Amino acid sequence: MIGDSIKTRMATKDNDISLFVIKEQDITPQLDRVIREMLVVCFPADREYFQRQSFWHSPAVYRVIGKNDKSSIVAHTAIVERNVIIGPDLLKVRVAGIQGFCVLQDYRCTGLSNKMMSAAMDEGSRRSLDAGLLFCREQLEKVYNGMGWRKLDASVYLTDDKNGKTLIPSRNITMFYPLNAKQLPAGDIDLAGNDW
């Protein structure tokens, strides 16, 4: 139940924002529809995709939702949990994969993004995950770096039914957030499935 999942409350310049951590199985069809509507606003180039579903290639395990004092969703991120394989020794690392991270325009530059990411990573730490992992465009590196993320210089491979094992698209960079592991092992990263 969303009311039982409250993590934190923060004041912004115009509204109080409540942050909720919600297990994926608790996302109702109505809440999923509202999330998809927000994703369409934040990612207009992917409108057709988000009109159908509220995640990319891999379903989330939990989400962080920000709601204003009118109970409207103003911020969202979905988190995928995955064991990835790293380096020549094929070490398994349990990661929290960030997807669909967005804040509506009127709520940007308020500190909400940092609070959202902190809530997502705090939950990842509580779940004993080793690290956060995200893929973004290079122009967003500074934004995520300000939230504690670091760019990785490693080749990252995904596997899908259509193309088999391939490199993630070159337009994306990979970023790492330390949780229980302060650094990742050296070497290439195999996502052991599709990206998120």
N, C-alpha and C. Protein backbone atom coordinates (compact mmCIF):
# COMPACT_ATOMS: atom_id res chain seq x y z
N MET A 1 0.85 -1.19 0.00
CA MET A 1 0.00 0.00 0.00
C MET A 1 0.88 1.24 0.00
N ILE A 2 0.58 2.20 -0.84
CA ILE A 2 1.44 3.37 -0.97
C ILE A 2 1.53 4.18 0.32
N GLY A 3 0.48 4.29 1.08
CA GLY A 3 0.51 5.06 2.31
C GLY A 3 1.42 4.49 3.38
N ASP A 4 1.67 3.18 3.33
CA ASP A 4 2.54 2.54 4.30
C ASP A 4 4.00 2.58 3.90
N SER A 5 4.30 3.06 2.69
CA SER A 5 5.66 2.98 2.16
C SER A 5 6.44 4.28 2.31
N ILE A 6 5.93 5.24 3.07
CA ILE A 6 6.55 6.56 3.13
C ILE A 6 7.99 6.47 3.62
N LYS A 7 8.89 7.14 2.92
CA LYS A 7 10.29 7.15 3.30
C LYS A 7 10.68 8.50 3.89
N THR A 8 10.28 9.58 3.25
CA THR A 8 10.73 10.89 3.70
C THR A 8 9.77 11.96 3.17
N ARG A 9 9.81 13.11 3.78
CA ARG A 9 9.00 14.24 3.33
C ARG A 9 9.93 15.44 3.25
N MET A 10 9.82 16.20 2.18
CA MET A 10 10.69 17.35 2.02
C MET A 10 9.89 18.55 1.56
N ALA A 11 10.31 19.71 1.98
CA ALA A 11 9.66 20.94 1.54
C ALA A 11 10.41 21.48 0.33
N THR A 12 9.67 21.91 -0.67
CA THR A 12 10.25 22.61 -1.81
C THR A 12 9.72 24.04 -1.76
N LYS A 13 10.08 24.81 -2.76
CA LYS A 13 9.68 26.22 -2.74
C LYS A 13 8.17 26.41 -2.76
N ASP A 14 7.42 25.47 -3.35
CA ASP A 14 5.98 25.63 -3.46
C ASP A 14 5.17 24.54 -2.78
N ASN A 15 5.73 23.38 -2.61
CA ASN A 15 4.95 22.24 -2.14
C ASN A 15 5.77 21.35 -1.23
N ASP A 16 5.08 20.55 -0.44
CA ASP A 16 5.72 19.46 0.27
C ASP A 16 5.70 18.25 -0.66
N ILE A 17 6.81 17.54 -0.70
CA ILE A 17 6.91 16.34 -1.52
C ILE A 17 7.10 15.15 -0.59
N SER A 18 6.32 14.12 -0.78
CA SER A 18 6.48 12.87 -0.05
C SER A 18 7.09 11.85 -0.99
N LEU A 19 8.10 11.13 -0.50
CA LEU A 19 8.74 10.09 -1.29
C LEU A 19 8.31 8.73 -0.77
N PHE A 20 8.00 7.85 -1.69
CA PHE A 20 7.53 6.51 -1.35
C PHE A 20 8.39 5.48 -2.07
N VAL A 21 8.76 4.43 -1.36
CA VAL A 21 9.38 3.26 -1.99
C VAL A 21 8.28 2.22 -2.09
N ILE A 22 8.04 1.73 -3.32
CA ILE A 22 6.93 0.82 -3.58
C ILE A 22 7.46 -0.42 -4.28
N LYS A 23 7.10 -1.59 -3.75
CA LYS A 23 7.44 -2.84 -4.43
C LYS A 23 6.65 -2.91 -5.73
N GLU A 24 7.26 -3.51 -6.73
CA GLU A 24 6.62 -3.57 -8.04
C GLU A 24 5.26 -4.27 -7.99
N GLN A 25 5.13 -5.31 -7.17
CA GLN A 25 3.85 -6.03 -7.11
C GLN A 25 2.75 -5.18 -6.48
N ASP A 26 3.12 -4.05 -5.85
CA ASP A 26 2.12 -3.15 -5.28
C ASP A 26 1.72 -2.01 -6.21
N ILE A 27 2.28 -1.99 -7.42
CA ILE A 27 1.91 -0.98 -8.41
C ILE A 27 0.58 -1.41 -9.05
N THR A 28 -0.46 -0.67 -8.78
CA THR A 28 -1.78 -0.99 -9.33
C THR A 28 -1.84 -0.56 -10.80
N PRO A 29 -2.79 -1.09 -11.55
CA PRO A 29 -2.94 -0.62 -12.94
C PRO A 29 -3.16 0.89 -13.03
N GLN A 30 -3.90 1.46 -12.10
CA GLN A 30 -4.13 2.91 -12.11
C GLN A 30 -2.82 3.67 -11.86
N LEU A 31 -2.03 3.22 -10.88
CA LEU A 31 -0.76 3.89 -10.60
C LEU A 31 0.19 3.73 -11.79
N ASP A 32 0.20 2.56 -12.41
CA ASP A 32 1.05 2.34 -13.58
C ASP A 32 0.66 3.31 -14.70
N ARG A 33 -0.64 3.53 -14.90
CA ARG A 33 -1.10 4.47 -15.93
C ARG A 33 -0.60 5.88 -15.64
N VAL A 34 -0.68 6.30 -14.37
CA VAL A 34 -0.23 7.65 -14.00
C VAL A 34 1.29 7.78 -14.19
N ILE A 35 2.03 6.74 -13.84
CA ILE A 35 3.48 6.75 -14.06
C ILE A 35 3.78 6.86 -15.55
N ARG A 36 3.08 6.09 -16.37
CA ARG A 36 3.31 6.15 -17.82
C ARG A 36 3.02 7.54 -18.37
N GLU A 37 1.96 8.18 -17.87
CA GLU A 37 1.64 9.54 -18.32
C GLU A 37 2.76 10.51 -17.97
N MET A 38 3.36 10.36 -16.78
CA MET A 38 4.47 11.22 -16.39
C MET A 38 5.70 10.95 -17.26
N LEU A 39 5.97 9.67 -17.54
CA LEU A 39 7.12 9.33 -18.37
C LEU A 39 6.97 9.89 -19.79
N VAL A 40 5.77 9.91 -20.31
CA VAL A 40 5.52 10.51 -21.62
C VAL A 40 5.86 11.99 -21.61
N VAL A 41 5.49 12.69 -20.52
CA VAL A 41 5.80 14.12 -20.41
C VAL A 41 7.32 14.33 -20.33
N CYS A 42 8.00 13.52 -19.54
CA CYS A 42 9.44 13.70 -19.32
C CYS A 42 10.29 13.18 -20.48
N PHE A 43 9.80 12.18 -21.19
CA PHE A 43 10.54 11.59 -22.31
C PHE A 43 9.67 11.60 -23.57
N PRO A 44 9.38 12.79 -24.12
CA PRO A 44 8.45 12.87 -25.24
C PRO A 44 8.90 12.10 -26.48
N ALA A 45 10.19 11.93 -26.68
CA ALA A 45 10.67 11.17 -27.84
C ALA A 45 10.29 9.69 -27.74
N ASP A 46 10.04 9.23 -26.52
CA ASP A 46 9.68 7.82 -26.29
C ASP A 46 8.19 7.67 -25.96
N ARG A 47 7.41 8.61 -26.39
CA ARG A 47 5.98 8.65 -26.10
C ARG A 47 5.26 7.33 -26.42
N GLU A 48 5.45 6.84 -27.63
CA GLU A 48 4.75 5.62 -28.03
C GLU A 48 5.13 4.44 -27.14
N TYR A 49 6.38 4.37 -26.76
CA TYR A 49 6.84 3.27 -25.91
C TYR A 49 6.18 3.35 -24.53
N PHE A 50 6.27 4.54 -23.89
CA PHE A 50 5.75 4.68 -22.53
C PHE A 50 4.22 4.69 -22.46
N GLN A 51 3.56 4.89 -23.57
CA GLN A 51 2.12 4.74 -23.55
C GLN A 51 1.73 3.28 -23.34
N ARG A 52 2.63 2.35 -23.67
CA ARG A 52 2.37 0.92 -23.52
C ARG A 52 2.85 0.34 -22.19
N GLN A 53 4.03 0.77 -21.73
CA GLN A 53 4.56 0.21 -20.49
C GLN A 53 5.45 1.22 -19.78
N SER A 54 5.63 1.03 -18.47
CA SER A 54 6.33 2.01 -17.64
C SER A 54 7.76 1.61 -17.30
N PHE A 55 8.34 0.70 -18.08
CA PHE A 55 9.75 0.34 -17.89
C PHE A 55 10.34 0.05 -19.26
N TRP A 56 11.68 0.04 -19.32
CA TRP A 56 12.35 -0.23 -20.60
C TRP A 56 12.33 -1.71 -20.88
N HIS A 57 13.49 -2.34 -20.87
CA HIS A 57 13.60 -3.74 -21.28
C HIS A 57 13.47 -4.72 -20.12
N SER A 58 13.65 -4.26 -18.91
CA SER A 58 13.63 -5.15 -17.75
C SER A 58 12.68 -4.59 -16.70
N PRO A 59 11.75 -5.40 -16.22
CA PRO A 59 10.81 -4.91 -15.21
C PRO A 59 11.52 -4.56 -13.89
N ALA A 60 10.96 -3.59 -13.22
CA ALA A 60 11.52 -3.14 -11.94
C ALA A 60 11.18 -4.12 -10.82
N VAL A 61 11.94 -4.01 -9.74
CA VAL A 61 11.64 -4.74 -8.50
C VAL A 61 10.99 -3.77 -7.51
N TYR A 62 11.46 -2.53 -7.51
CA TYR A 62 10.84 -1.49 -6.70
C TYR A 62 10.98 -0.15 -7.40
N ARG A 63 10.17 0.81 -6.95
CA ARG A 63 10.19 2.16 -7.51
C ARG A 63 10.23 3.17 -6.38
N VAL A 64 10.70 4.35 -6.70
CA VAL A 64 10.59 5.49 -5.79
C VAL A 64 9.72 6.51 -6.51
N ILE A 65 8.68 6.95 -5.82
CA ILE A 65 7.70 7.89 -6.36
C ILE A 65 7.70 9.14 -5.48
N GLY A 66 7.70 10.31 -6.11
CA GLY A 66 7.54 11.57 -5.38
C GLY A 66 6.16 12.13 -5.67
N LYS A 67 5.41 12.43 -4.59
CA LYS A 67 4.07 12.99 -4.74
C LYS A 67 4.00 14.35 -4.07
N ASN A 68 3.30 15.29 -4.72
CA ASN A 68 3.15 16.61 -4.12
C ASN A 68 1.98 16.61 -3.13
N ASP A 69 1.69 17.77 -2.57
CA ASP A 69 0.64 17.86 -1.55
C ASP A 69 -0.77 17.66 -2.11
N LYS A 70 -0.88 17.59 -3.45
CA LYS A 70 -2.17 17.28 -4.08
C LYS A 70 -2.22 15.81 -4.50
N SER A 71 -1.23 15.03 -4.06
CA SER A 71 -1.11 13.59 -4.37
C SER A 71 -0.84 13.30 -5.84
N SER A 72 -0.33 14.29 -6.56
CA SER A 72 0.08 14.07 -7.95
C SER A 72 1.53 13.58 -7.97
N ILE A 73 1.83 12.64 -8.86
CA ILE A 73 3.19 12.15 -8.99
C ILE A 73 4.01 13.17 -9.77
N VAL A 74 5.13 13.59 -9.17
CA VAL A 74 5.99 14.61 -9.77
C VAL A 74 7.41 14.11 -10.01
N ALA A 75 7.72 12.90 -9.51
CA ALA A 75 9.06 12.33 -9.69
C ALA A 75 8.95 10.81 -9.65
N HIS A 76 9.86 10.15 -10.37
CA HIS A 76 9.78 8.69 -10.48
C HIS A 76 11.14 8.10 -10.82
N THR A 77 11.43 6.95 -10.29
CA THR A 77 12.48 6.08 -10.80
C THR A 77 12.11 4.64 -10.51
N ALA A 78 12.55 3.75 -11.39
CA ALA A 78 12.32 2.31 -11.22
C ALA A 78 13.68 1.64 -11.06
N ILE A 79 13.73 0.61 -10.23
CA ILE A 79 15.00 -0.06 -9.94
C ILE A 79 14.89 -1.54 -10.28
N VAL A 80 15.83 -1.99 -11.09
CA VAL A 80 15.97 -3.39 -11.48
C VAL A 80 17.06 -3.99 -10.59
N GLU A 81 16.83 -5.19 -10.06
CA GLU A 81 17.89 -5.89 -9.33
C GLU A 81 18.43 -6.98 -10.24
N ARG A 82 19.76 -7.06 -10.34
CA ARG A 82 20.37 -8.01 -11.26
C ARG A 82 21.74 -8.42 -10.77
N ASN A 83 22.10 -9.68 -10.96
CA ASN A 83 23.47 -10.13 -10.79
C ASN A 83 24.17 -9.96 -12.12
N VAL A 84 25.17 -9.06 -12.17
CA VAL A 84 25.96 -8.89 -13.38
C VAL A 84 27.28 -9.62 -13.20
N ILE A 85 27.96 -9.88 -14.30
CA ILE A 85 29.22 -10.62 -14.26
C ILE A 85 30.32 -9.69 -14.74
N ILE A 86 31.38 -9.57 -13.94
CA ILE A 86 32.42 -8.58 -14.23
C ILE A 86 33.80 -9.23 -14.29
N GLY A 87 34.55 -8.82 -15.31
CA GLY A 87 35.96 -9.14 -15.42
C GLY A 87 36.29 -10.56 -15.84
N PRO A 88 37.59 -10.82 -16.01
CA PRO A 88 38.03 -12.14 -16.47
C PRO A 88 37.75 -13.26 -15.47
N ASP A 89 37.59 -12.90 -14.19
CA ASP A 89 37.30 -13.91 -13.17
C ASP A 89 35.80 -14.18 -13.04
N LEU A 90 35.00 -13.51 -13.86
CA LEU A 90 33.55 -13.70 -13.90
C LEU A 90 32.91 -13.54 -12.52
N LEU A 91 33.28 -12.44 -11.85
CA LEU A 91 32.74 -12.16 -10.52
C LEU A 91 31.31 -11.67 -10.62
N LYS A 92 30.44 -12.20 -9.76
CA LYS A 92 29.04 -11.77 -9.74
C LYS A 92 28.90 -10.60 -8.77
N VAL A 93 28.24 -9.56 -9.25
CA VAL A 93 28.00 -8.36 -8.46
C VAL A 93 26.51 -8.07 -8.54
N ARG A 94 25.89 -7.88 -7.40
CA ARG A 94 24.44 -7.63 -7.35
C ARG A 94 24.19 -6.13 -7.41
N VAL A 95 23.50 -5.68 -8.46
CA VAL A 95 23.34 -4.24 -8.68
C VAL A 95 21.88 -3.80 -8.65
N ALA A 96 21.73 -2.51 -8.35
CA ALA A 96 20.45 -1.80 -8.47
C ALA A 96 20.55 -0.99 -9.75
N GLY A 97 19.82 -1.40 -10.77
CA GLY A 97 19.85 -0.70 -12.05
C GLY A 97 18.78 0.37 -12.08
N ILE A 98 19.20 1.60 -12.33
CA ILE A 98 18.29 2.75 -12.35
C ILE A 98 17.70 2.93 -13.74
N GLN A 99 16.39 3.09 -13.82
CA GLN A 99 15.73 3.38 -15.10
C GLN A 99 14.57 4.35 -14.88
N GLY A 100 14.24 5.09 -15.92
CA GLY A 100 13.08 5.98 -15.87
C GLY A 100 13.19 7.06 -14.80
N PHE A 101 14.43 7.55 -14.54
CA PHE A 101 14.62 8.57 -13.51
C PHE A 101 14.18 9.91 -14.08
N CYS A 102 13.16 10.53 -13.46
CA CYS A 102 12.68 11.81 -13.98
C CYS A 102 11.94 12.60 -12.90
N VAL A 103 11.99 13.91 -13.08
CA VAL A 103 11.30 14.87 -12.22
C VAL A 103 10.60 15.87 -13.14
N LEU A 104 9.33 16.14 -12.87
CA LEU A 104 8.61 17.12 -13.70
C LEU A 104 9.30 18.49 -13.64
N GLN A 105 9.21 19.23 -14.73
CA GLN A 105 9.91 20.51 -14.90
C GLN A 105 9.73 21.46 -13.72
N ASP A 106 8.52 21.61 -13.21
CA ASP A 106 8.26 22.57 -12.13
C ASP A 106 8.93 22.19 -10.81
N TYR A 107 9.45 20.96 -10.71
CA TYR A 107 10.04 20.49 -9.46
C TYR A 107 11.55 20.28 -9.57
N ARG A 108 12.12 20.68 -10.71
CA ARG A 108 13.56 20.59 -10.87
C ARG A 108 14.25 21.74 -10.16
N CYS A 109 15.51 21.57 -9.87
CA CYS A 109 16.33 22.58 -9.16
C CYS A 109 15.81 22.85 -7.76
N THR A 110 15.19 21.84 -7.14
CA THR A 110 14.67 21.98 -5.77
C THR A 110 15.39 21.05 -4.80
N GLY A 111 16.27 20.20 -5.31
CA GLY A 111 16.90 19.17 -4.48
C GLY A 111 16.15 17.85 -4.51
N LEU A 112 15.02 17.81 -5.22
CA LEU A 112 14.21 16.60 -5.26
C LEU A 112 14.95 15.44 -5.93
N SER A 113 15.69 15.72 -7.01
CA SER A 113 16.43 14.65 -7.69
C SER A 113 17.39 13.96 -6.73
N ASN A 114 18.12 14.74 -5.95
CA ASN A 114 19.07 14.15 -4.98
C ASN A 114 18.34 13.31 -3.95
N LYS A 115 17.21 13.80 -3.46
CA LYS A 115 16.44 13.05 -2.47
C LYS A 115 15.89 11.75 -3.07
N MET A 116 15.43 11.83 -4.31
CA MET A 116 14.92 10.63 -4.99
C MET A 116 16.02 9.58 -5.12
N MET A 117 17.20 10.02 -5.60
CA MET A 117 18.30 9.07 -5.78
C MET A 117 18.75 8.50 -4.44
N SER A 118 18.80 9.34 -3.42
CA SER A 118 19.19 8.86 -2.08
C SER A 118 18.21 7.79 -1.59
N ALA A 119 16.92 8.03 -1.79
CA ALA A 119 15.92 7.04 -1.37
C ALA A 119 16.09 5.74 -2.13
N ALA A 120 16.34 5.82 -3.44
CA ALA A 120 16.53 4.62 -4.26
C ALA A 120 17.76 3.84 -3.83
N MET A 121 18.86 4.55 -3.57
CA MET A 121 20.10 3.87 -3.18
C MET A 121 20.07 3.40 -1.73
N ASP A 122 19.37 4.13 -0.85
CA ASP A 122 19.19 3.65 0.53
C ASP A 122 18.44 2.32 0.54
N GLU A 123 17.43 2.22 -0.30
CA GLU A 123 16.68 0.97 -0.40
C GLU A 123 17.55 -0.14 -0.98
N GLY A 124 18.39 0.20 -1.96
CA GLY A 124 19.33 -0.78 -2.51
C GLY A 124 20.29 -1.29 -1.46
N SER A 125 20.78 -0.40 -0.62
CA SER A 125 21.68 -0.79 0.47
C SER A 125 20.94 -1.67 1.47
N ARG A 126 19.70 -1.31 1.80
CA ARG A 126 18.89 -2.10 2.72
C ARG A 126 18.67 -3.51 2.17
N ARG A 127 18.61 -3.63 0.85
CA ARG A 127 18.42 -4.93 0.21
C ARG A 127 19.76 -5.66 -0.01
N SER A 128 20.84 -5.13 0.55
CA SER A 128 22.18 -5.73 0.47
C SER A 128 22.73 -5.80 -0.95
N LEU A 129 22.37 -4.83 -1.79
CA LEU A 129 22.93 -4.77 -3.13
C LEU A 129 24.35 -4.20 -3.07
N ASP A 130 25.18 -4.59 -4.02
CA ASP A 130 26.58 -4.18 -4.00
C ASP A 130 26.78 -2.77 -4.55
N ALA A 131 26.00 -2.40 -5.58
CA ALA A 131 26.25 -1.13 -6.26
C ALA A 131 25.04 -0.73 -7.07
N GLY A 132 25.00 0.55 -7.42
CA GLY A 132 24.04 1.05 -8.38
C GLY A 132 24.70 1.10 -9.75
N LEU A 133 23.92 0.90 -10.80
CA LEU A 133 24.42 0.96 -12.16
C LEU A 133 23.37 1.65 -13.02
N LEU A 134 23.80 2.63 -13.80
CA LEU A 134 22.87 3.29 -14.71
C LEU A 134 23.54 3.60 -16.03
N PHE A 135 22.72 3.80 -17.04
CA PHE A 135 23.18 4.15 -18.38
C PHE A 135 22.50 5.46 -18.75
N CYS A 136 23.29 6.41 -19.23
CA CYS A 136 22.72 7.71 -19.59
C CYS A 136 23.51 8.33 -20.72
N ARG A 137 22.99 9.42 -21.25
CA ARG A 137 23.71 10.18 -22.26
C ARG A 137 24.83 10.96 -21.57
N GLU A 138 25.89 11.24 -22.32
CA GLU A 138 27.06 11.90 -21.75
C GLU A 138 26.73 13.27 -21.14
N GLN A 139 25.76 13.98 -21.70
CA GLN A 139 25.42 15.31 -21.17
C GLN A 139 24.82 15.24 -19.76
N LEU A 140 24.39 14.05 -19.32
CA LEU A 140 23.84 13.91 -17.97
C LEU A 140 24.88 13.46 -16.94
N GLU A 141 26.11 13.23 -17.40
CA GLU A 141 27.15 12.76 -16.47
C GLU A 141 27.33 13.71 -15.28
N LYS A 142 27.36 14.99 -15.53
CA LYS A 142 27.57 15.98 -14.46
C LYS A 142 26.42 15.93 -13.45
N VAL A 143 25.20 15.77 -13.94
CA VAL A 143 24.03 15.71 -13.05
C VAL A 143 24.16 14.52 -12.10
N TYR A 144 24.42 13.33 -12.66
CA TYR A 144 24.53 12.14 -11.83
C TYR A 144 25.79 12.15 -10.97
N ASN A 145 26.86 12.75 -11.49
CA ASN A 145 28.07 12.87 -10.71
C ASN A 145 27.81 13.67 -9.43
N GLY A 146 26.97 14.69 -9.54
CA GLY A 146 26.60 15.49 -8.37
C GLY A 146 25.80 14.72 -7.34
N MET A 147 25.25 13.57 -7.74
CA MET A 147 24.50 12.71 -6.81
C MET A 147 25.37 11.56 -6.28
N GLY A 148 26.66 11.57 -6.63
CA GLY A 148 27.56 10.55 -6.11
C GLY A 148 27.89 9.42 -7.08
N TRP A 149 27.43 9.52 -8.31
CA TRP A 149 27.71 8.50 -9.32
C TRP A 149 29.04 8.79 -10.00
N ARG A 150 29.75 7.71 -10.44
CA ARG A 150 31.02 7.85 -11.13
C ARG A 150 30.95 7.11 -12.47
N LYS A 151 31.52 7.74 -13.48
CA LYS A 151 31.56 7.13 -14.82
C LYS A 151 32.50 5.94 -14.81
N LEU A 152 32.10 4.86 -15.47
CA LEU A 152 32.94 3.67 -15.63
C LEU A 152 33.50 3.64 -17.04
N ASP A 153 34.76 3.28 -17.15
CA ASP A 153 35.36 3.08 -18.46
C ASP A 153 35.53 1.59 -18.67
N ALA A 154 34.43 0.91 -18.91
CA ALA A 154 34.42 -0.53 -19.15
C ALA A 154 33.47 -0.82 -20.28
N SER A 155 33.75 -1.87 -21.01
CA SER A 155 32.79 -2.32 -22.02
C SER A 155 31.65 -3.03 -21.32
N VAL A 156 30.42 -2.72 -21.73
CA VAL A 156 29.23 -3.30 -21.10
C VAL A 156 28.45 -4.05 -22.18
N TYR A 157 28.15 -5.31 -21.90
CA TYR A 157 27.44 -6.17 -22.84
C TYR A 157 26.05 -6.51 -22.33
N LEU A 158 25.09 -6.50 -23.23
CA LEU A 158 23.74 -6.94 -22.92
C LEU A 158 23.43 -8.14 -23.80
N THR A 159 22.43 -8.89 -23.40
CA THR A 159 21.98 -10.02 -24.21
C THR A 159 20.48 -9.91 -24.39
N ASP A 160 20.05 -9.95 -25.65
CA ASP A 160 18.61 -9.96 -25.92
C ASP A 160 18.29 -11.07 -26.92
N ASP A 161 17.01 -11.40 -27.04
CA ASP A 161 16.59 -12.49 -27.91
C ASP A 161 16.84 -12.21 -29.38
N LYS A 162 16.79 -10.95 -29.76
CA LYS A 162 16.91 -10.59 -31.17
C LYS A 162 18.36 -10.62 -31.67
N ASN A 163 19.28 -10.00 -30.89
CA ASN A 163 20.66 -9.82 -31.35
C ASN A 163 21.69 -10.65 -30.60
N GLY A 164 21.29 -11.37 -29.58
CA GLY A 164 22.26 -12.10 -28.77
C GLY A 164 23.07 -11.15 -27.90
N LYS A 165 24.35 -11.42 -27.73
CA LYS A 165 25.22 -10.60 -26.87
C LYS A 165 25.85 -9.48 -27.68
N THR A 166 25.60 -8.23 -27.27
CA THR A 166 26.12 -7.05 -27.97
C THR A 166 26.52 -5.99 -26.95
N LEU A 167 27.33 -5.03 -27.41
CA LEU A 167 27.67 -3.88 -26.57
C LEU A 167 26.44 -2.99 -26.40
N ILE A 168 26.33 -2.32 -25.23
CA ILE A 168 25.24 -1.35 -25.08
C ILE A 168 25.45 -0.26 -26.13
N PRO A 169 24.40 0.45 -26.51
CA PRO A 169 24.54 1.48 -27.54
C PRO A 169 25.63 2.50 -27.17
N SER A 170 26.40 2.90 -28.16
CA SER A 170 27.55 3.80 -27.92
C SER A 170 27.12 5.19 -27.47
N ARG A 171 25.86 5.55 -27.65
CA ARG A 171 25.39 6.87 -27.20
C ARG A 171 25.29 6.95 -25.68
N ASN A 172 25.36 5.79 -25.00
CA ASN A 172 25.23 5.74 -23.55
C ASN A 172 26.58 5.61 -22.86
N ILE A 173 26.67 6.24 -21.69
CA ILE A 173 27.79 5.99 -20.79
C ILE A 173 27.25 5.17 -19.62
N THR A 174 28.15 4.50 -18.92
CA THR A 174 27.78 3.69 -17.76
C THR A 174 28.30 4.37 -16.51
N MET A 175 27.44 4.43 -15.48
CA MET A 175 27.84 5.05 -14.22
C MET A 175 27.59 4.09 -13.06
N PHE A 176 28.40 4.23 -12.04
CA PHE A 176 28.45 3.34 -10.88
C PHE A 176 28.21 4.14 -9.60
N TYR A 177 27.47 3.55 -8.67
CA TYR A 177 27.23 4.15 -7.36
C TYR A 177 27.61 3.12 -6.29
N PRO A 178 28.55 3.45 -5.40
CA PRO A 178 28.97 2.46 -4.39
C PRO A 178 27.89 2.24 -3.32
N LEU A 179 27.59 0.99 -3.07
CA LEU A 179 26.72 0.63 -1.94
C LEU A 179 27.55 -0.25 -1.02
N ASN A 180 27.32 -1.56 -0.99
CA ASN A 180 28.13 -2.44 -0.16
C ASN A 180 29.52 -2.65 -0.74
N ALA A 181 29.68 -2.48 -2.05
CA ALA A 181 30.99 -2.53 -2.69
C ALA A 181 31.44 -1.09 -2.93
N LYS A 182 32.61 -0.74 -2.47
CA LYS A 182 33.11 0.63 -2.65
C LYS A 182 33.63 0.87 -4.06
N GLN A 183 33.98 -0.21 -4.76
CA GLN A 183 34.36 -0.11 -6.16
C GLN A 183 34.01 -1.43 -6.84
N LEU A 184 33.89 -1.38 -8.15
CA LEU A 184 33.61 -2.60 -8.90
C LEU A 184 34.91 -3.28 -9.30
N PRO A 185 34.89 -4.60 -9.47
CA PRO A 185 36.09 -5.27 -9.99
C PRO A 185 36.44 -4.71 -11.37
N ALA A 186 37.70 -4.79 -11.74
CA ALA A 186 38.13 -4.32 -13.05
C ALA A 186 37.66 -5.28 -14.12
N GLY A 187 37.34 -4.73 -15.28
CA GLY A 187 37.01 -5.57 -16.42
C GLY A 187 35.68 -5.25 -17.04
N ASP A 188 35.40 -5.95 -18.13
CA ASP A 188 34.14 -5.78 -18.84
C ASP A 188 32.97 -6.24 -17.97
N ILE A 189 31.80 -5.68 -18.27
CA ILE A 189 30.59 -6.01 -17.51
C ILE A 189 29.61 -6.71 -18.44
N ASP A 190 29.16 -7.88 -18.02
CA ASP A 190 28.12 -8.62 -18.74
C ASP A 190 26.84 -8.48 -17.92
N LEU A 191 25.83 -7.85 -18.49
CA LEU A 191 24.59 -7.60 -17.76
C LEU A 191 23.77 -8.87 -17.54
N ALA A 192 24.20 -9.97 -18.11
CA ALA A 192 23.51 -11.26 -17.94
C ALA A 192 22.03 -11.14 -18.28
N GLY A 193 21.75 -10.43 -19.32
CA GLY A 193 20.39 -10.18 -19.77
C GLY A 193 20.35 -8.85 -20.50
N ASN A 194 19.16 -8.36 -20.71
CA ASN A 194 19.00 -7.09 -21.41
C ASN A 194 19.36 -5.93 -20.50
N ASP A 195 19.53 -4.75 -21.09
CA ASP A 195 19.74 -3.56 -20.26
C ASP A 195 18.42 -3.15 -19.64
N TRP A 196 18.43 -2.07 -18.91
CA TRP A 196 17.20 -1.62 -18.28
C TRP A 196 17.00 -0.16 -18.59
